[in-house]
Amino acid sequence: MSASERGVADDLARAMRRLGRAAERLETAALKSAGLPRAQGQALIAIGNMARPTMAMLARELDLAPSTATRLLDPLAKRDLIRRESDSDDRRVVVVTLTTQGRRTVRELEAALERAYGRLSAMAGETGGRNRLLAAARELYQALDRGQMRVGQAKRGRPRPAPGKATKAPRGLKGLKPA
């Protein structure tokens, strides 16, 4: 790698770290409205967006060790936002479901995130600026996702996307629509 390539790589790494911290602050502030830490809010939203999630599925989705996912959900169960039950077909499998209060909280969290990312989109300026921002964010996410798949995600049993098939954008990017 040439010196100029290293400089670009260093600039990109610095920008990515700053972007990650900024997104984390944005989401933390938005999720605070429900009185939940960011990780618990993300877990609740993930449960709400999955069909009949098991603890193992949720751990994979959140990129956590199963024991960490269990500890993350304990406060949500204590607040009666989720229920964990053994699967009727395989008692070793734990299925996670939202309670009525959990579904209400997910709607509140999603609305708060949508407002936060909507404000971010509005800050991008004119329509062309928002469209460029959205396109760049999606392209970056897909590049990172492809890179992670090559570096070792398949080791954890995650299927690799078909060549040329677009990967699903994260929730925050889905909410940003071209104007």
N, C-alpha and C. Protein backbone atom coordinates (compact mmCIF):
# COMPACT_ATOMS: atom_id res chain seq x y z
N MET A 1 0.85 -1.17 0.00
CA MET A 1 0.00 0.00 0.00
C MET A 1 0.90 1.23 0.00
N SER A 2 0.60 2.16 -0.90
CA SER A 2 1.40 3.38 -1.01
C SER A 2 1.08 4.32 0.15
N ALA A 3 1.92 5.32 0.31
CA ALA A 3 1.72 6.30 1.38
C ALA A 3 0.39 7.03 1.20
N SER A 4 0.05 7.37 -0.04
CA SER A 4 -1.22 8.09 -0.26
C SER A 4 -2.41 7.17 0.04
N GLU A 5 -2.29 5.88 -0.31
CA GLU A 5 -3.37 4.93 0.00
C GLU A 5 -3.51 4.77 1.52
N ARG A 6 -2.37 4.73 2.22
CA ARG A 6 -2.42 4.63 3.69
C ARG A 6 -3.09 5.87 4.28
N GLY A 7 -2.79 7.03 3.71
CA GLY A 7 -3.41 8.27 4.18
C GLY A 7 -4.92 8.25 4.00
N VAL A 8 -5.37 7.77 2.84
CA VAL A 8 -6.81 7.67 2.58
C VAL A 8 -7.43 6.65 3.53
N ALA A 9 -6.76 5.52 3.73
CA ALA A 9 -7.27 4.49 4.64
C ALA A 9 -7.36 5.03 6.06
N ASP A 10 -6.35 5.78 6.50
CA ASP A 10 -6.38 6.37 7.84
C ASP A 10 -7.52 7.38 7.96
N ASP A 11 -7.70 8.23 6.94
CA ASP A 11 -8.79 9.20 6.95
C ASP A 11 -10.15 8.49 7.01
N LEU A 12 -10.30 7.42 6.23
CA LEU A 12 -11.55 6.67 6.22
C LEU A 12 -11.80 6.04 7.59
N ALA A 13 -10.76 5.46 8.17
CA ALA A 13 -10.91 4.83 9.49
C ALA A 13 -11.33 5.86 10.53
N ARG A 14 -10.70 7.03 10.51
CA ARG A 14 -11.05 8.09 11.45
C ARG A 14 -12.50 8.55 11.23
N ALA A 15 -12.87 8.75 9.98
CA ALA A 15 -14.24 9.19 9.67
C ALA A 15 -15.27 8.13 10.10
N MET A 16 -14.95 6.85 9.90
CA MET A 16 -15.86 5.78 10.29
C MET A 16 -16.05 5.74 11.80
N ARG A 17 -14.97 5.90 12.54
CA ARG A 17 -15.08 5.90 14.01
C ARG A 17 -15.93 7.07 14.48
N ARG A 18 -15.71 8.24 13.89
CA ARG A 18 -16.48 9.43 14.26
C ARG A 18 -17.95 9.25 13.89
N LEU A 19 -18.21 8.70 12.71
CA LEU A 19 -19.58 8.46 12.27
C LEU A 19 -20.28 7.46 13.20
N GLY A 20 -19.57 6.41 13.57
CA GLY A 20 -20.14 5.41 14.48
C GLY A 20 -20.50 6.02 15.83
N ARG A 21 -19.60 6.84 16.37
CA ARG A 21 -19.88 7.49 17.66
C ARG A 21 -21.05 8.47 17.54
N ALA A 22 -21.11 9.19 16.43
CA ALA A 22 -22.21 10.15 16.24
C ALA A 22 -23.54 9.42 16.12
N ALA A 23 -23.57 8.32 15.37
CA ALA A 23 -24.81 7.54 15.23
C ALA A 23 -25.21 6.95 16.58
N GLU A 24 -24.23 6.51 17.35
CA GLU A 24 -24.53 5.96 18.67
C GLU A 24 -25.13 7.02 19.57
N ARG A 25 -24.58 8.25 19.55
CA ARG A 25 -25.14 9.34 20.37
C ARG A 25 -26.56 9.68 19.92
N LEU A 26 -26.79 9.73 18.61
CA LEU A 26 -28.11 10.04 18.06
C LEU A 26 -29.14 9.00 18.52
N GLU A 27 -28.79 7.72 18.40
CA GLU A 27 -29.72 6.66 18.78
C GLU A 27 -29.90 6.59 20.29
N THR A 28 -28.84 6.81 21.04
CA THR A 28 -28.94 6.79 22.50
C THR A 28 -29.93 7.85 22.97
N ALA A 29 -29.81 9.05 22.42
CA ALA A 29 -30.72 10.14 22.80
C ALA A 29 -32.16 9.80 22.40
N ALA A 30 -32.34 9.23 21.22
CA ALA A 30 -33.69 8.89 20.75
C ALA A 30 -34.32 7.79 21.62
N LEU A 31 -33.54 6.78 21.97
CA LEU A 31 -34.06 5.65 22.74
C LEU A 31 -34.25 5.99 24.22
N LYS A 32 -33.61 7.06 24.65
CA LYS A 32 -33.73 7.47 26.05
C LYS A 32 -35.17 7.84 26.41
N SER A 33 -35.96 8.21 25.40
CA SER A 33 -37.35 8.61 25.64
C SER A 33 -38.16 7.49 26.30
N ALA A 34 -37.78 6.25 26.06
CA ALA A 34 -38.49 5.13 26.66
C ALA A 34 -37.83 4.67 27.96
N GLY A 35 -36.77 5.35 28.36
CA GLY A 35 -36.09 4.99 29.60
C GLY A 35 -35.31 3.70 29.49
N LEU A 36 -34.87 3.38 28.26
CA LEU A 36 -34.10 2.16 28.04
C LEU A 36 -32.70 2.48 27.57
N PRO A 37 -31.71 1.73 28.02
CA PRO A 37 -30.39 1.88 27.43
C PRO A 37 -30.45 1.49 25.95
N ARG A 38 -29.54 2.02 25.17
CA ARG A 38 -29.53 1.79 23.72
C ARG A 38 -29.58 0.30 23.36
N ALA A 39 -28.75 -0.50 24.01
CA ALA A 39 -28.68 -1.94 23.68
C ALA A 39 -30.02 -2.62 23.92
N GLN A 40 -30.70 -2.28 25.02
CA GLN A 40 -32.01 -2.88 25.30
C GLN A 40 -33.05 -2.41 24.29
N GLY A 41 -32.99 -1.14 23.93
CA GLY A 41 -33.92 -0.62 22.91
C GLY A 41 -33.71 -1.31 21.58
N GLN A 42 -32.45 -1.51 21.19
CA GLN A 42 -32.16 -2.20 19.94
C GLN A 42 -32.65 -3.65 20.00
N ALA A 43 -32.48 -4.28 21.14
CA ALA A 43 -32.95 -5.67 21.29
C ALA A 43 -34.47 -5.74 21.17
N LEU A 44 -35.15 -4.81 21.80
CA LEU A 44 -36.61 -4.79 21.74
C LEU A 44 -37.10 -4.59 20.30
N ILE A 45 -36.47 -3.67 19.58
CA ILE A 45 -36.83 -3.43 18.18
C ILE A 45 -36.54 -4.68 17.35
N ALA A 46 -35.41 -5.32 17.59
CA ALA A 46 -35.08 -6.53 16.83
C ALA A 46 -36.13 -7.62 17.07
N ILE A 47 -36.54 -7.80 18.31
CA ILE A 47 -37.58 -8.79 18.62
C ILE A 47 -38.86 -8.46 17.86
N GLY A 48 -39.21 -7.18 17.84
CA GLY A 48 -40.41 -6.75 17.16
C GLY A 48 -40.36 -6.93 15.65
N ASN A 49 -39.17 -6.97 15.09
CA ASN A 49 -39.02 -7.09 13.64
C ASN A 49 -38.72 -8.52 13.18
N MET A 50 -38.71 -9.47 14.11
CA MET A 50 -38.42 -10.85 13.76
C MET A 50 -39.67 -11.71 13.98
N ALA A 51 -39.83 -12.70 13.14
CA ALA A 51 -40.94 -13.63 13.30
C ALA A 51 -40.53 -14.74 14.26
N ARG A 52 -41.20 -14.81 15.39
CA ARG A 52 -40.98 -15.86 16.40
C ARG A 52 -39.49 -16.08 16.71
N PRO A 53 -38.83 -15.02 17.19
CA PRO A 53 -37.38 -15.15 17.44
C PRO A 53 -37.06 -16.05 18.62
N THR A 54 -36.00 -16.79 18.46
CA THR A 54 -35.46 -17.58 19.57
C THR A 54 -34.29 -16.79 20.16
N MET A 55 -33.85 -17.20 21.32
CA MET A 55 -32.70 -16.53 21.93
C MET A 55 -31.48 -16.64 21.02
N ALA A 56 -31.30 -17.79 20.38
CA ALA A 56 -30.15 -17.96 19.49
C ALA A 56 -30.24 -17.02 18.29
N MET A 57 -31.44 -16.89 17.70
CA MET A 57 -31.63 -15.98 16.56
C MET A 57 -31.35 -14.55 16.98
N LEU A 58 -31.84 -14.17 18.14
CA LEU A 58 -31.65 -12.82 18.63
C LEU A 58 -30.18 -12.53 18.91
N ALA A 59 -29.49 -13.48 19.51
CA ALA A 59 -28.06 -13.31 19.77
C ALA A 59 -27.31 -13.09 18.46
N ARG A 60 -27.64 -13.86 17.43
CA ARG A 60 -26.99 -13.68 16.11
C ARG A 60 -27.33 -12.31 15.53
N GLU A 61 -28.59 -11.93 15.60
CA GLU A 61 -29.03 -10.65 15.04
C GLU A 61 -28.31 -9.48 15.70
N LEU A 62 -28.13 -9.56 17.01
CA LEU A 62 -27.49 -8.48 17.76
C LEU A 62 -25.98 -8.65 17.84
N ASP A 63 -25.47 -9.73 17.27
CA ASP A 63 -24.04 -10.04 17.26
C ASP A 63 -23.51 -10.13 18.70
N LEU A 64 -24.22 -10.92 19.52
CA LEU A 64 -23.85 -11.12 20.92
C LEU A 64 -23.69 -12.60 21.21
N ALA A 65 -22.93 -12.89 22.24
CA ALA A 65 -22.87 -14.25 22.75
C ALA A 65 -24.24 -14.57 23.36
N PRO A 66 -24.69 -15.81 23.28
CA PRO A 66 -26.01 -16.16 23.84
C PRO A 66 -26.17 -15.75 25.31
N SER A 67 -25.13 -15.93 26.12
CA SER A 67 -25.26 -15.56 27.55
C SER A 67 -25.41 -14.05 27.71
N THR A 68 -24.74 -13.28 26.86
CA THR A 68 -24.86 -11.82 26.90
C THR A 68 -26.26 -11.40 26.48
N ALA A 69 -26.81 -12.05 25.46
CA ALA A 69 -28.17 -11.75 25.02
C ALA A 69 -29.17 -12.04 26.15
N THR A 70 -28.95 -13.13 26.86
CA THR A 70 -29.83 -13.47 27.98
C THR A 70 -29.79 -12.38 29.04
N ARG A 71 -28.59 -11.93 29.41
CA ARG A 71 -28.47 -10.88 30.43
C ARG A 71 -29.06 -9.56 29.93
N LEU A 72 -28.95 -9.30 28.64
CA LEU A 72 -29.50 -8.08 28.06
C LEU A 72 -31.03 -8.07 28.16
N LEU A 73 -31.64 -9.24 28.02
CA LEU A 73 -33.10 -9.33 28.04
C LEU A 73 -33.70 -9.41 29.45
N ASP A 74 -32.90 -9.76 30.44
CA ASP A 74 -33.43 -9.88 31.80
C ASP A 74 -34.19 -8.64 32.26
N PRO A 75 -33.63 -7.43 32.12
CA PRO A 75 -34.39 -6.25 32.55
C PRO A 75 -35.66 -6.02 31.73
N LEU A 76 -35.65 -6.41 30.47
CA LEU A 76 -36.85 -6.27 29.64
C LEU A 76 -37.96 -7.20 30.12
N ALA A 77 -37.58 -8.39 30.56
CA ALA A 77 -38.56 -9.33 31.11
C ALA A 77 -39.09 -8.81 32.45
N LYS A 78 -38.20 -8.26 33.28
CA LYS A 78 -38.63 -7.72 34.57
C LYS A 78 -39.60 -6.55 34.40
N ARG A 79 -39.44 -5.78 33.33
CA ARG A 79 -40.34 -4.64 33.06
C ARG A 79 -41.59 -5.08 32.29
N ASP A 80 -41.74 -6.38 32.09
CA ASP A 80 -42.89 -6.95 31.39
C ASP A 80 -43.01 -6.44 29.95
N LEU A 81 -41.85 -6.29 29.29
CA LEU A 81 -41.83 -5.88 27.88
C LEU A 81 -41.69 -7.10 26.96
N ILE A 82 -41.11 -8.17 27.51
CA ILE A 82 -40.96 -9.42 26.74
C ILE A 82 -41.35 -10.59 27.61
N ARG A 83 -41.56 -11.73 26.94
CA ARG A 83 -41.79 -13.00 27.61
C ARG A 83 -40.86 -14.02 26.96
N ARG A 84 -40.24 -14.84 27.77
CA ARG A 84 -39.41 -15.94 27.25
C ARG A 84 -40.07 -17.24 27.64
N GLU A 85 -40.27 -18.10 26.64
CA GLU A 85 -40.92 -19.39 26.89
C GLU A 85 -40.19 -20.49 26.13
N SER A 86 -40.25 -21.68 26.67
CA SER A 86 -39.66 -22.83 25.96
C SER A 86 -40.52 -23.16 24.76
N ASP A 87 -39.86 -23.54 23.68
CA ASP A 87 -40.55 -23.94 22.45
C ASP A 87 -41.28 -25.25 22.71
N SER A 88 -42.50 -25.37 22.19
CA SER A 88 -43.29 -26.57 22.44
C SER A 88 -42.70 -27.80 21.74
N ASP A 89 -41.99 -27.60 20.62
CA ASP A 89 -41.39 -28.73 19.90
C ASP A 89 -40.03 -29.14 20.44
N ASP A 90 -39.28 -28.17 20.96
CA ASP A 90 -37.93 -28.44 21.46
C ASP A 90 -37.74 -27.61 22.72
N ARG A 91 -37.84 -28.23 23.87
CA ARG A 91 -37.79 -27.53 25.16
C ARG A 91 -36.47 -26.82 25.40
N ARG A 92 -35.42 -27.18 24.64
CA ARG A 92 -34.12 -26.51 24.80
C ARG A 92 -34.12 -25.12 24.17
N VAL A 93 -35.05 -24.88 23.26
CA VAL A 93 -35.13 -23.62 22.53
C VAL A 93 -36.02 -22.65 23.29
N VAL A 94 -35.53 -21.42 23.47
CA VAL A 94 -36.29 -20.38 24.16
C VAL A 94 -36.79 -19.38 23.11
N VAL A 95 -38.10 -19.18 23.08
CA VAL A 95 -38.73 -18.25 22.15
C VAL A 95 -39.02 -16.96 22.91
N VAL A 96 -38.74 -15.84 22.25
CA VAL A 96 -38.95 -14.52 22.87
C VAL A 96 -40.13 -13.84 22.18
N THR A 97 -41.06 -13.33 22.96
CA THR A 97 -42.20 -12.60 22.39
C THR A 97 -42.37 -11.27 23.12
N LEU A 98 -42.94 -10.31 22.42
CA LEU A 98 -43.24 -9.02 23.02
C LEU A 98 -44.58 -9.10 23.75
N THR A 99 -44.67 -8.44 24.87
CA THR A 99 -45.95 -8.30 25.55
C THR A 99 -46.68 -7.12 24.90
N THR A 100 -47.90 -6.86 25.33
CA THR A 100 -48.64 -5.70 24.83
C THR A 100 -47.85 -4.43 25.09
N GLN A 101 -47.32 -4.29 26.30
CA GLN A 101 -46.51 -3.11 26.64
C GLN A 101 -45.23 -3.09 25.80
N GLY A 102 -44.66 -4.25 25.52
CA GLY A 102 -43.46 -4.32 24.68
C GLY A 102 -43.73 -3.85 23.26
N ARG A 103 -44.88 -4.25 22.70
CA ARG A 103 -45.24 -3.79 21.34
C ARG A 103 -45.44 -2.28 21.31
N ARG A 104 -46.08 -1.75 22.34
CA ARG A 104 -46.29 -0.31 22.44
C ARG A 104 -44.93 0.41 22.53
N THR A 105 -44.04 -0.13 23.32
CA THR A 105 -42.72 0.48 23.48
C THR A 105 -41.93 0.43 22.18
N VAL A 106 -42.02 -0.68 21.44
CA VAL A 106 -41.33 -0.78 20.15
C VAL A 106 -41.84 0.31 19.21
N ARG A 107 -43.14 0.51 19.17
CA ARG A 107 -43.70 1.58 18.30
C ARG A 107 -43.14 2.94 18.70
N GLU A 108 -43.05 3.19 20.01
CA GLU A 108 -42.51 4.47 20.49
C GLU A 108 -41.03 4.61 20.10
N LEU A 109 -40.27 3.52 20.27
CA LEU A 109 -38.85 3.57 19.94
C LEU A 109 -38.64 3.79 18.45
N GLU A 110 -39.40 3.07 17.64
CA GLU A 110 -39.25 3.23 16.18
C GLU A 110 -39.63 4.64 15.75
N ALA A 111 -40.66 5.20 16.36
CA ALA A 111 -41.06 6.58 16.03
C ALA A 111 -39.97 7.56 16.44
N ALA A 112 -39.36 7.35 17.61
CA ALA A 112 -38.29 8.23 18.08
C ALA A 112 -37.08 8.15 17.15
N LEU A 113 -36.73 6.94 16.72
CA LEU A 113 -35.61 6.79 15.79
C LEU A 113 -35.93 7.42 14.44
N GLU A 114 -37.15 7.23 13.99
CA GLU A 114 -37.55 7.82 12.71
C GLU A 114 -37.46 9.34 12.76
N ARG A 115 -37.90 9.94 13.88
CA ARG A 115 -37.79 11.39 14.03
C ARG A 115 -36.33 11.82 14.04
N ALA A 116 -35.50 11.09 14.77
CA ALA A 116 -34.07 11.45 14.86
C ALA A 116 -33.40 11.37 13.50
N TYR A 117 -33.63 10.27 12.78
CA TYR A 117 -33.00 10.15 11.46
C TYR A 117 -33.66 11.09 10.45
N GLY A 118 -34.93 11.44 10.67
CA GLY A 118 -35.58 12.44 9.82
C GLY A 118 -34.94 13.80 9.97
N ARG A 119 -34.61 14.17 11.23
CA ARG A 119 -33.91 15.44 11.47
C ARG A 119 -32.54 15.41 10.80
N LEU A 120 -31.87 14.29 10.88
CA LEU A 120 -30.56 14.16 10.23
C LEU A 120 -30.70 14.33 8.72
N SER A 121 -31.72 13.70 8.16
CA SER A 121 -31.97 13.81 6.73
C SER A 121 -32.25 15.26 6.33
N ALA A 122 -33.03 15.95 7.15
CA ALA A 122 -33.37 17.35 6.85
C ALA A 122 -32.11 18.23 6.89
N MET A 123 -31.17 17.88 7.76
CA MET A 123 -29.93 18.66 7.84
C MET A 123 -29.07 18.50 6.60
N ALA A 124 -29.31 17.45 5.84
CA ALA A 124 -28.50 17.22 4.64
C ALA A 124 -28.80 18.24 3.55
N GLY A 125 -29.84 19.02 3.74
CA GLY A 125 -30.11 20.09 2.79
C GLY A 125 -31.09 19.68 1.71
N GLU A 126 -30.83 20.20 0.54
CA GLU A 126 -31.74 19.99 -0.59
C GLU A 126 -31.88 18.52 -0.94
N THR A 127 -32.86 18.24 -1.75
CA THR A 127 -33.20 16.86 -2.13
C THR A 127 -31.98 16.10 -2.64
N GLY A 128 -31.20 16.72 -3.50
CA GLY A 128 -30.02 16.04 -4.04
C GLY A 128 -29.03 15.65 -2.96
N GLY A 129 -28.87 16.51 -1.94
CA GLY A 129 -27.96 16.21 -0.84
C GLY A 129 -28.43 15.01 -0.03
N ARG A 130 -29.74 14.95 0.24
CA ARG A 130 -30.29 13.80 0.98
C ARG A 130 -30.13 12.52 0.18
N ASN A 131 -30.40 12.60 -1.10
CA ASN A 131 -30.28 11.40 -1.94
C ASN A 131 -28.83 10.92 -2.00
N ARG A 132 -27.88 11.86 -2.09
CA ARG A 132 -26.46 11.47 -2.11
C ARG A 132 -26.05 10.87 -0.77
N LEU A 133 -26.53 11.47 0.32
CA LEU A 133 -26.23 10.95 1.66
C LEU A 133 -26.76 9.53 1.82
N LEU A 134 -27.99 9.32 1.42
CA LEU A 134 -28.61 8.00 1.52
C LEU A 134 -27.88 6.98 0.66
N ALA A 135 -27.56 7.36 -0.57
CA ALA A 135 -26.85 6.44 -1.47
C ALA A 135 -25.47 6.09 -0.90
N ALA A 136 -24.77 7.09 -0.37
CA ALA A 136 -23.44 6.83 0.20
C ALA A 136 -23.54 5.93 1.43
N ALA A 137 -24.55 6.17 2.29
CA ALA A 137 -24.71 5.35 3.49
C ALA A 137 -25.02 3.90 3.12
N ARG A 138 -25.90 3.71 2.15
CA ARG A 138 -26.23 2.34 1.72
C ARG A 138 -25.02 1.65 1.10
N GLU A 139 -24.30 2.37 0.26
CA GLU A 139 -23.12 1.78 -0.39
C GLU A 139 -22.07 1.40 0.66
N LEU A 140 -21.86 2.26 1.63
CA LEU A 140 -20.89 1.98 2.69
C LEU A 140 -21.33 0.78 3.52
N TYR A 141 -22.61 0.75 3.90
CA TYR A 141 -23.12 -0.38 4.68
C TYR A 141 -22.94 -1.69 3.92
N GLN A 142 -23.30 -1.69 2.65
CA GLN A 142 -23.19 -2.92 1.85
C GLN A 142 -21.73 -3.35 1.69
N ALA A 143 -20.82 -2.38 1.52
CA ALA A 143 -19.40 -2.72 1.42
C ALA A 143 -18.90 -3.32 2.73
N LEU A 144 -19.29 -2.71 3.84
CA LEU A 144 -18.88 -3.24 5.14
C LEU A 144 -19.47 -4.63 5.38
N ASP A 145 -20.73 -4.80 5.01
CA ASP A 145 -21.38 -6.09 5.19
C ASP A 145 -20.69 -7.17 4.36
N ARG A 146 -20.36 -6.84 3.12
CA ARG A 146 -19.65 -7.81 2.26
C ARG A 146 -18.29 -8.13 2.85
N GLY A 147 -17.59 -7.11 3.35
CA GLY A 147 -16.27 -7.32 3.94
C GLY A 147 -16.34 -8.20 5.17
N GLN A 148 -17.36 -8.01 6.01
CA GLN A 148 -17.52 -8.84 7.21
C GLN A 148 -17.80 -10.28 6.83
N MET A 149 -18.59 -10.48 5.81
CA MET A 149 -18.91 -11.84 5.38
C MET A 149 -17.62 -12.55 4.95
N ARG A 150 -16.76 -11.84 4.27
CA ARG A 150 -15.51 -12.47 3.81
C ARG A 150 -14.56 -12.72 4.97
N VAL A 151 -14.58 -11.85 5.98
CA VAL A 151 -13.61 -11.95 7.06
C VAL A 151 -13.97 -13.00 8.09
N GLY A 152 -15.20 -13.49 8.12
CA GLY A 152 -15.43 -14.55 9.09
C GLY A 152 -16.85 -14.70 9.60
N GLN A 153 -17.78 -13.95 9.09
CA GLN A 153 -19.14 -14.11 9.58
C GLN A 153 -19.67 -15.51 9.29
N ALA A 154 -19.24 -16.13 8.20
CA ALA A 154 -19.74 -17.46 7.86
C ALA A 154 -19.34 -18.48 8.94
N LYS A 155 -18.28 -18.20 9.69
CA LYS A 155 -17.87 -19.11 10.75
C LYS A 155 -18.96 -19.27 11.80
N ARG A 156 -19.78 -18.23 11.98
CA ARG A 156 -20.84 -18.29 12.98
C ARG A 156 -22.12 -18.84 12.41
N GLY A 157 -22.07 -19.38 11.22
CA GLY A 157 -23.27 -19.99 10.65
C GLY A 157 -24.17 -19.03 9.91
N ARG A 158 -23.71 -17.81 9.67
CA ARG A 158 -24.53 -16.86 8.93
C ARG A 158 -24.36 -17.13 7.45
N PRO A 159 -25.45 -17.21 6.74
CA PRO A 159 -25.34 -17.45 5.30
C PRO A 159 -24.75 -16.24 4.60
N ARG A 160 -23.96 -16.51 3.59
CA ARG A 160 -23.41 -15.42 2.78
C ARG A 160 -24.45 -15.01 1.76
N PRO A 161 -24.54 -13.70 1.48
CA PRO A 161 -25.50 -13.28 0.46
C PRO A 161 -25.08 -13.82 -0.90
N ALA A 162 -26.06 -14.06 -1.76
CA ALA A 162 -25.76 -14.52 -3.11
C ALA A 162 -24.97 -13.45 -3.83
N PRO A 163 -24.01 -13.84 -4.68
CA PRO A 163 -23.22 -12.84 -5.39
C PRO A 163 -24.14 -11.89 -6.15
N GLY A 164 -23.85 -10.60 -5.99
CA GLY A 164 -24.63 -9.59 -6.70
C GLY A 164 -25.95 -9.24 -6.04
N LYS A 165 -26.35 -9.98 -5.00
CA LYS A 165 -27.62 -9.70 -4.34
C LYS A 165 -27.39 -8.63 -3.28
N ALA A 166 -28.24 -7.61 -3.28
CA ALA A 166 -28.12 -6.53 -2.31
C ALA A 166 -28.46 -7.05 -0.93
N THR A 167 -27.73 -6.56 0.06
CA THR A 167 -28.03 -6.94 1.44
C THR A 167 -29.03 -5.95 2.01
N LYS A 168 -29.72 -6.35 3.04
CA LYS A 168 -30.75 -5.53 3.67
C LYS A 168 -30.08 -4.39 4.43
N ALA A 169 -30.59 -3.19 4.25
CA ALA A 169 -30.06 -2.01 4.94
C ALA A 169 -30.52 -2.03 6.39
N PRO A 170 -29.70 -1.47 7.30
CA PRO A 170 -30.12 -1.40 8.69
C PRO A 170 -31.32 -0.48 8.85
N ARG A 171 -32.03 -0.64 9.95
CA ARG A 171 -33.28 0.07 10.20
C ARG A 171 -33.17 1.58 9.95
N GLY A 172 -32.13 2.20 10.46
CA GLY A 172 -31.98 3.64 10.30
C GLY A 172 -31.88 4.06 8.85
N LEU A 173 -31.30 3.22 8.01
CA LEU A 173 -31.17 3.57 6.60
C LEU A 173 -32.46 3.31 5.84
N LYS A 174 -33.25 2.35 6.30
CA LYS A 174 -34.52 2.07 5.62
C LYS A 174 -35.46 3.26 5.77
N GLY A 175 -35.37 3.94 6.92
CA GLY A 175 -36.27 5.05 7.19
C GLY A 175 -35.99 6.28 6.36
N LEU A 176 -34.79 6.38 5.79
CA LEU A 176 -34.45 7.55 4.98
C LEU A 176 -34.87 7.28 3.56
N LYS A 177 -35.81 8.06 3.08
CA LYS A 177 -36.32 7.86 1.73
C LYS A 177 -35.87 9.00 0.85
N PRO A 178 -35.51 8.69 -0.39
CA PRO A 178 -35.16 9.78 -1.28
C PRO A 178 -36.35 10.72 -1.43
N ALA A 179 -36.08 12.00 -1.48
CA ALA A 179 -37.17 12.98 -1.59
C ALA A 179 -37.61 13.14 -3.03
